[in-house]
Amino acid sequence: MARPISALLLTSLLLVACPAVADEPGATARVEALHVALLGAMKDATTLGYTGRVERIAPAVEASFDLDFMARFVLGPGGKDLSAADQARWRDAFARVTVATYAGRFTGWGGEEFKTLGQEPAAQDTVFVRTMLDRPKDEDVELTYRLHQVGGHWRIMDVFLKGTVSELALRRSDYSSVLERDGFSGLADVLRSRIADLAAGRAKREQP
């Protein structure tokens, strides 16, 4: 007669069989990890300089955002006409401008803190993670992240400023119009110019 498997042995077998499920952070944890990296870059901003902030922030952006989806979405229908090589170049440029935007704007720390307000389900198997950037010397900023799962991993697909203004929709309006008017080379020139402005401290909201 077979001996029963002990509870301890059964638990061990389950953990070995499903390590990714046990280790993969949830949606809220994904957002909070991004905030930890951003806050660290803010606190060390002067010592790091712009280049150091880019190096500090880039891994967190790659780990936190679904940059493949976002890069495709912001081009609109015109993006489908790009060659595979141009699509790859665009994904790289989009990632660089996303990192540059954080590095160019988070240039110091004045007691700011990120606060998590809660998580709630959203349409099409996505979730909202609602947060607040608490700024003691200025108006607080409400940031709502929308996440979906990519290969079993939660990734940010959009950020809503003040809870309603989609950053992805703003970029699509900007980038798709430039692509339609000036082609891919013109769009690439716009991004290079924006990154240069951010590196030089000219960090106003981008316009095409």
C-alpha atoms as a PDB file:
ATOM      1  CA  MET A   1       0.000   0.000   0.000  1.00  0.00           C
ATOM      2  CA  ALA A   2       1.405   3.424  -0.987  1.00  0.00           C
ATOM      3  CA  ARG A   3       2.343   5.699   1.877  1.00  0.00           C
ATOM      4  CA  PRO A   4       0.559   9.111   1.944  1.00  0.00           C
ATOM      5  CA  ILE A   5       2.595  12.118   0.884  1.00  0.00           C
ATOM      6  CA  SER A   6       3.263  14.406   3.825  1.00  0.00           C
ATOM      7  CA  ALA A   7       1.970  17.984   3.714  1.00  0.00           C
ATOM      8  CA  LEU A   8       5.521  19.325   3.875  1.00  0.00           C
ATOM      9  CA  LEU A   9       6.626  17.208   0.906  1.00  0.00           C
ATOM     10  CA  LEU A  10       3.547  18.194  -1.115  1.00  0.00           C
ATOM     11  CA  THR A  11       4.188  21.879  -0.470  1.00  0.00           C
ATOM     12  CA  SER A  12       7.802  21.500  -1.541  1.00  0.00           C
ATOM     13  CA  LEU A  13       6.766  19.801  -4.792  1.00  0.00           C
ATOM     14  CA  LEU A  14       4.279  22.574  -5.593  1.00  0.00           C
ATOM     15  CA  LEU A  15       6.881  25.285  -4.998  1.00  0.00           C
ATOM     16  CA  VAL A  16       9.375  23.550  -7.274  1.00  0.00           C
ATOM     17  CA  ALA A  17       6.745  23.095  -9.985  1.00  0.00           C
ATOM     18  CA  CYS A  18       5.544  26.720  -9.902  1.00  0.00           C
ATOM     19  CA  PRO A  19       8.480  29.029  -9.060  1.00  0.00           C
ATOM     20  CA  ALA A  20       7.414  31.808 -11.453  1.00  0.00           C
ATOM     21  CA  VAL A  21       3.977  32.116  -9.852  1.00  0.00           C
ATOM     22  CA  ALA A  22       5.493  32.304  -6.380  1.00  0.00           C
ATOM     23  CA  ASP A  23       8.087  34.931  -7.355  1.00  0.00           C
ATOM     24  CA  GLU A  24       6.198  37.112  -9.851  1.00  0.00           C
ATOM     25  CA  PRO A  25       5.113  40.429  -8.288  1.00  0.00           C
ATOM     26  CA  GLY A  26       1.516  41.579  -8.544  1.00  0.00           C
ATOM     27  CA  ALA A  27       0.325  44.704 -10.320  1.00  0.00           C
ATOM     28  CA  THR A  28       0.635  46.965  -7.279  1.00  0.00           C
ATOM     29  CA  ALA A  29       4.080  45.600  -6.444  1.00  0.00           C
ATOM     30  CA  ARG A  30       5.172  46.275 -10.037  1.00  0.00           C
ATOM     31  CA  VAL A  31       4.170  49.941  -9.753  1.00  0.00           C
ATOM     32  CA  GLU A  32       5.739  50.314  -6.319  1.00  0.00           C
ATOM     33  CA  ALA A  33       9.045  48.904  -7.591  1.00  0.00           C
ATOM     34  CA  LEU A  34       9.053  51.562 -10.324  1.00  0.00           C
ATOM     35  CA  HIS A  35       8.373  54.230  -7.700  1.00  0.00           C
ATOM     36  CA  VAL A  36      11.273  53.032  -5.566  1.00  0.00           C
ATOM     37  CA  ALA A  37      13.629  53.445  -8.531  1.00  0.00           C
ATOM     38  CA  LEU A  38      12.246  56.869  -9.448  1.00  0.00           C
ATOM     39  CA  LEU A  39      12.410  58.136  -5.889  1.00  0.00           C
ATOM     40  CA  GLY A  40      15.990  56.907  -5.546  1.00  0.00           C
ATOM     41  CA  ALA A  41      16.937  58.769  -8.731  1.00  0.00           C
ATOM     42  CA  MET A  42      15.274  61.919  -7.391  1.00  0.00           C
ATOM     43  CA  LYS A  43      17.112  61.733  -4.080  1.00  0.00           C
ATOM     44  CA  ASP A  44      20.474  61.179  -5.803  1.00  0.00           C
ATOM     45  CA  ALA A  45      19.701  63.446  -8.757  1.00  0.00           C
ATOM     46  CA  THR A  46      22.473  65.990  -8.206  1.00  0.00           C
ATOM     47  CA  THR A  47      25.170  63.381  -7.654  1.00  0.00           C
ATOM     48  CA  LEU A  48      24.024  61.255 -10.591  1.00  0.00           C
ATOM     49  CA  GLY A  49      23.537  64.018 -13.121  1.00  0.00           C
ATOM     50  CA  TYR A  50      21.358  63.460 -16.179  1.00  0.00           C
ATOM     51  CA  THR A  51      23.395  60.540 -17.549  1.00  0.00           C
ATOM     52  CA  GLY A  52      23.471  58.811 -14.172  1.00  0.00           C
ATOM     53  CA  ARG A  53      19.709  59.231 -13.788  1.00  0.00           C
ATOM     54  CA  VAL A  54      19.178  57.660 -17.206  1.00  0.00           C
ATOM     55  CA  GLU A  55      21.321  54.676 -16.194  1.00  0.00           C
ATOM     56  CA  ARG A  56      19.489  54.358 -12.871  1.00  0.00           C
ATOM     57  CA  ILE A  57      15.981  54.623 -14.330  1.00  0.00           C
ATOM     58  CA  ALA A  58      16.328  52.646 -17.578  1.00  0.00           C
ATOM     59  CA  PRO A  59      16.274  49.112 -16.045  1.00  0.00           C
ATOM     60  CA  ALA A  60      13.170  49.962 -14.003  1.00  0.00           C
ATOM     61  CA  VAL A  61      11.364  51.305 -17.073  1.00  0.00           C
ATOM     62  CA  GLU A  62      12.209  48.179 -19.092  1.00  0.00           C
ATOM     63  CA  ALA A  63      11.015  45.940 -16.255  1.00  0.00           C
ATOM     64  CA  SER A  64       7.848  47.891 -15.482  1.00  0.00           C
ATOM     65  CA  PHE A  65       6.352  48.949 -18.824  1.00  0.00           C
ATOM     66  CA  ASP A  66       5.069  46.989 -21.813  1.00  0.00           C
ATOM     67  CA  LEU A  67       7.175  49.104 -24.156  1.00  0.00           C
ATOM     68  CA  ASP A  68       6.467  46.852 -27.148  1.00  0.00           C
ATOM     69  CA  PHE A  69       2.724  47.450 -26.905  1.00  0.00           C
ATOM     70  CA  MET A  70       3.076  51.147 -26.114  1.00  0.00           C
ATOM     71  CA  ALA A  71       5.483  51.812 -28.982  1.00  0.00           C
ATOM     72  CA  ARG A  72       3.089  50.169 -31.443  1.00  0.00           C
ATOM     73  CA  PHE A  73       0.008  51.910 -30.075  1.00  0.00           C
ATOM     74  CA  VAL A  74       1.315  55.477 -30.184  1.00  0.00           C
ATOM     75  CA  LEU A  75       2.088  55.271 -33.923  1.00  0.00           C
ATOM     76  CA  GLY A  76      -1.525  54.536 -34.809  1.00  0.00           C
ATOM     77  CA  PRO A  77      -2.462  52.771 -38.063  1.00  0.00           C
ATOM     78  CA  GLY A  78       0.513  54.321 -39.892  1.00  0.00           C
ATOM     79  CA  GLY A  79       2.914  52.241 -37.842  1.00  0.00           C
ATOM     80  CA  LYS A  80       1.835  49.076 -39.654  1.00  0.00           C
ATOM     81  CA  ASP A  81       3.464  50.349 -42.846  1.00  0.00           C
ATOM     82  CA  LEU A  82       6.935  50.554 -41.288  1.00  0.00           C
ATOM     83  CA  SER A  83       9.517  47.929 -42.150  1.00  0.00           C
ATOM     84  CA  ALA A  84      10.523  45.440 -39.465  1.00  0.00           C
ATOM     85  CA  ALA A  85      13.844  47.268 -39.103  1.00  0.00           C
ATOM     86  CA  ASP A  86      12.141  50.641 -38.622  1.00  0.00           C
ATOM     87  CA  GLN A  87       9.705  49.140 -36.114  1.00  0.00           C
ATOM     88  CA  ALA A  88      12.673  47.850 -34.093  1.00  0.00           C
ATOM     89  CA  ARG A  89      14.387  51.246 -34.290  1.00  0.00           C
ATOM     90  CA  TRP A  90      11.169  52.930 -33.214  1.00  0.00           C
ATOM     91  CA  ARG A  91      10.771  50.653 -30.192  1.00  0.00           C
ATOM     92  CA  ASP A  92      14.319  51.561 -29.119  1.00  0.00           C
ATOM     93  CA  ALA A  93      13.697  55.285 -29.659  1.00  0.00           C
ATOM     94  CA  PHE A  94      10.410  55.132 -27.738  1.00  0.00           C
ATOM     95  CA  ALA A  95      12.125  53.437 -24.793  1.00  0.00           C
ATOM     96  CA  ARG A  96      14.892  56.052 -24.794  1.00  0.00           C
ATOM     97  CA  VAL A  97      12.501  59.005 -24.833  1.00  0.00           C
ATOM     98  CA  THR A  98      10.436  57.427 -22.028  1.00  0.00           C
ATOM     99  CA  VAL A  99      13.538  57.088 -19.845  1.00  0.00           C
ATOM    100  CA  ALA A 100      14.752  60.564 -20.854  1.00  0.00           C
ATOM    101  CA  THR A 101      11.416  62.066 -19.814  1.00  0.00           C
ATOM    102  CA  TYR A 102      11.782  60.717 -16.277  1.00  0.00           C
ATOM    103  CA  ALA A 103      15.492  61.587 -16.070  1.00  0.00           C
ATOM    104  CA  GLY A 104      14.919  65.076 -17.422  1.00  0.00           C
ATOM    105  CA  ARG A 105      12.044  65.915 -15.099  1.00  0.00           C
ATOM    106  CA  PHE A 106      13.117  64.252 -11.852  1.00  0.00           C
ATOM    107  CA  THR A 107      16.064  66.549 -11.221  1.00  0.00           C
ATOM    108  CA  GLY A 108      15.941  66.806  -7.435  1.00  0.00           C
ATOM    109  CA  TRP A 109      14.123  65.849  -4.264  1.00  0.00           C
ATOM    110  CA  GLY A 110      12.187  68.134  -1.954  1.00  0.00           C
ATOM    111  CA  GLY A 111      10.526  65.613   0.345  1.00  0.00           C
ATOM    112  CA  GLU A 112       8.297  64.057  -2.323  1.00  0.00           C
ATOM    113  CA  GLU A 113       6.908  60.586  -1.661  1.00  0.00           C
ATOM    114  CA  PHE A 114       4.857  58.161  -3.748  1.00  0.00           C
ATOM    115  CA  LYS A 115       1.746  56.811  -2.044  1.00  0.00           C
ATOM    116  CA  THR A 116      -0.305  53.828  -3.198  1.00  0.00           C
ATOM    117  CA  LEU A 117      -4.044  54.487  -2.918  1.00  0.00           C
ATOM    118  CA  GLY A 118      -5.423  51.153  -4.118  1.00  0.00           C
ATOM    119  CA  GLN A 119      -5.968  48.680  -6.929  1.00  0.00           C
ATOM    120  CA  GLU A 120      -9.166  47.896  -8.824  1.00  0.00           C
ATOM    121  CA  PRO A 121     -10.165  45.768 -11.826  1.00  0.00           C
ATOM    122  CA  ALA A 122     -10.610  47.386 -15.240  1.00  0.00           C
ATOM    123  CA  ALA A 123     -11.891  46.326 -18.654  1.00  0.00           C
ATOM    124  CA  GLN A 124     -10.311  43.602 -20.810  1.00  0.00           C
ATOM    125  CA  ASP A 125      -8.515  41.824 -17.949  1.00  0.00           C
ATOM    126  CA  THR A 126      -6.546  44.918 -16.936  1.00  0.00           C
ATOM    127  CA  VAL A 127      -6.227  46.616 -13.554  1.00  0.00           C
ATOM    128  CA  PHE A 128      -5.831  50.168 -12.320  1.00  0.00           C
ATOM    129  CA  VAL A 129      -3.295  50.967  -9.608  1.00  0.00           C
ATOM    130  CA  ARG A 130      -4.059  54.382  -8.177  1.00  0.00           C
ATOM    131  CA  THR A 131      -1.207  56.368  -6.636  1.00  0.00           C
ATOM    132  CA  MET A 132      -0.297  59.882  -5.558  1.00  0.00           C
ATOM    133  CA  LEU A 133       2.949  61.809  -5.735  1.00  0.00           C
ATOM    134  CA  ASP A 134       2.888  63.763  -2.478  1.00  0.00           C
ATOM    135  CA  ARG A 135       4.748  67.063  -3.039  1.00  0.00           C
ATOM    136  CA  PRO A 136       5.112  69.119   0.176  1.00  0.00           C
ATOM    137  CA  LYS A 137       6.092  72.270  -1.740  1.00  0.00           C
ATOM    138  CA  ASP A 138       3.615  71.980  -4.600  1.00  0.00           C
ATOM    139  CA  GLU A 139       0.285  70.482  -5.654  1.00  0.00           C
ATOM    140  CA  ASP A 140       0.074  66.709  -5.300  1.00  0.00           C
ATOM    141  CA  VAL A 141      -0.050  64.715  -8.532  1.00  0.00           C
ATOM    142  CA  GLU A 142      -2.531  61.861  -8.994  1.00  0.00           C
ATOM    143  CA  LEU A 143      -1.068  59.029 -11.114  1.00  0.00           C
ATOM    144  CA  THR A 144      -3.194  56.059 -12.142  1.00  0.00           C
ATOM    145  CA  TYR A 145      -1.420  53.148 -13.832  1.00  0.00           C
ATOM    146  CA  ARG A 146      -3.188  50.675 -16.085  1.00  0.00           C
ATOM    147  CA  LEU A 147      -1.558  47.244 -16.270  1.00  0.00           C
ATOM    148  CA  HIS A 148      -2.118  44.014 -18.164  1.00  0.00           C
ATOM    149  CA  GLN A 149      -0.371  40.669 -18.151  1.00  0.00           C
ATOM    150  CA  VAL A 150       2.266  39.799 -20.725  1.00  0.00           C
ATOM    151  CA  GLY A 151       3.409  36.192 -20.541  1.00  0.00           C
ATOM    152  CA  GLY A 152       2.191  35.969 -16.956  1.00  0.00           C
ATOM    153  CA  HIS A 153       3.941  39.189 -15.889  1.00  0.00           C
ATOM    154  CA  TRP A 154       2.194  42.442 -14.974  1.00  0.00           C
ATOM    155  CA  ARG A 155       3.332  45.374 -17.120  1.00  0.00           C
ATOM    156  CA  ILE A 156       2.231  49.013 -17.230  1.00  0.00           C
ATOM    157  CA  MET A 157       0.459  49.873 -20.485  1.00  0.00           C
ATOM    158  CA  ASP A 158      -0.638  53.447 -19.735  1.00  0.00           C
ATOM    159  CA  VAL A 159      -0.403  56.204 -17.122  1.00  0.00           C
ATOM    160  CA  PHE A 160      -3.292  58.575 -16.419  1.00  0.00           C
ATOM    161  CA  LEU A 161      -2.401  62.014 -15.096  1.00  0.00           C
ATOM    162  CA  LYS A 162      -4.939  63.410 -12.623  1.00  0.00           C
ATOM    163  CA  GLY A 163      -6.747  60.102 -12.987  1.00  0.00           C
ATOM    164  CA  THR A 164      -8.185  60.844 -16.439  1.00  0.00           C
ATOM    165  CA  VAL A 165      -5.560  62.162 -18.899  1.00  0.00           C
ATOM    166  CA  SER A 166      -4.016  59.225 -20.776  1.00  0.00           C
ATOM    167  CA  GLU A 167      -0.313  59.729 -21.434  1.00  0.00           C
ATOM    168  CA  LEU A 168      -0.521  57.080 -24.151  1.00  0.00           C
ATOM    169  CA  ALA A 169      -3.353  58.926 -25.918  1.00  0.00           C
ATOM    170  CA  LEU A 170      -1.402  62.203 -25.772  1.00  0.00           C
ATOM    171  CA  ARG A 171       1.650  60.572 -27.300  1.00  0.00           C
ATOM    172  CA  ARG A 172      -0.429  58.882 -29.987  1.00  0.00           C
ATOM    173  CA  SER A 173      -1.922  62.235 -30.954  1.00  0.00           C
ATOM    174  CA  ASP A 174       1.572  63.753 -31.179  1.00  0.00           C
ATOM    175  CA  TYR A 175       3.537  60.928 -32.760  1.00  0.00           C
ATOM    176  CA  SER A 176       0.990  59.630 -35.282  1.00  0.00           C
ATOM    177  CA  SER A 177       0.479  63.121 -36.696  1.00  0.00           C
ATOM    178  CA  VAL A 178       4.247  63.618 -37.085  1.00  0.00           C
ATOM    179  CA  LEU A 179       4.577  60.188 -38.745  1.00  0.00           C
ATOM    180  CA  GLU A 180       1.785  61.002 -41.188  1.00  0.00           C
ATOM    181  CA  ARG A 181       3.177  64.447 -42.000  1.00  0.00           C
ATOM    182  CA  ASP A 182       6.953  63.887 -41.983  1.00  0.00           C
ATOM    183  CA  GLY A 183       7.452  60.141 -42.260  1.00  0.00           C
ATOM    184  CA  PHE A 184       9.555  57.928 -40.022  1.00  0.00           C
ATOM    185  CA  SER A 185      12.764  59.924 -40.475  1.00  0.00           C
ATOM    186  CA  GLY A 186      10.956  63.099 -39.427  1.00  0.00           C
ATOM    187  CA  LEU A 187       9.532  61.386 -36.347  1.00  0.00           C
ATOM    188  CA  ALA A 188      12.987  60.080 -35.413  1.00  0.00           C
ATOM    189  CA  ASP A 189      14.330  63.640 -35.679  1.00  0.00           C
ATOM    190  CA  VAL A 190      11.587  64.872 -33.326  1.00  0.00           C
ATOM    191  CA  LEU A 191      12.493  62.288 -30.701  1.00  0.00           C
ATOM    192  CA  ARG A 192      16.195  63.071 -30.934  1.00  0.00           C
ATOM    193  CA  SER A 193      15.382  66.740 -30.404  1.00  0.00           C
ATOM    194  CA  ARG A 194      13.179  65.975 -27.408  1.00  0.00           C
ATOM    195  CA  ILE A 195      15.810  63.821 -25.780  1.00  0.00           C
ATOM    196  CA  ALA A 196      18.371  66.596 -26.286  1.00  0.00           C
ATOM    197  CA  ASP A 197      15.985  69.122 -24.701  1.00  0.00           C
ATOM    198  CA  LEU A 198      15.424  66.854 -21.706  1.00  0.00           C
ATOM    199  CA  ALA A 199      19.150  66.295 -21.272  1.00  0.00           C
ATOM    200  CA  ALA A 200      19.687  70.065 -21.328  1.00  0.00           C
ATOM    201  CA  GLY A 201      17.009  70.706 -18.710  1.00  0.00           C
ATOM    202  CA  ARG A 202      14.284  71.892 -21.060  1.00  0.00           C
ATOM    203  CA  ALA A 203      11.694  69.474 -19.707  1.00  0.00           C
ATOM    204  CA  LYS A 204       8.352  70.985 -20.703  1.00  0.00           C
ATOM    205  CA  ARG A 205       5.648  68.725 -22.075  1.00  0.00           C
ATOM    206  CA  GLU A 206       6.695  67.566 -25.510  1.00  0.00           C
ATOM    207  CA  GLN A 207       5.084  69.038 -28.607  1.00  0.00           C
ATOM    208  CA  PRO A 208       5.707  67.843 -32.195  1.00  0.00           C
END
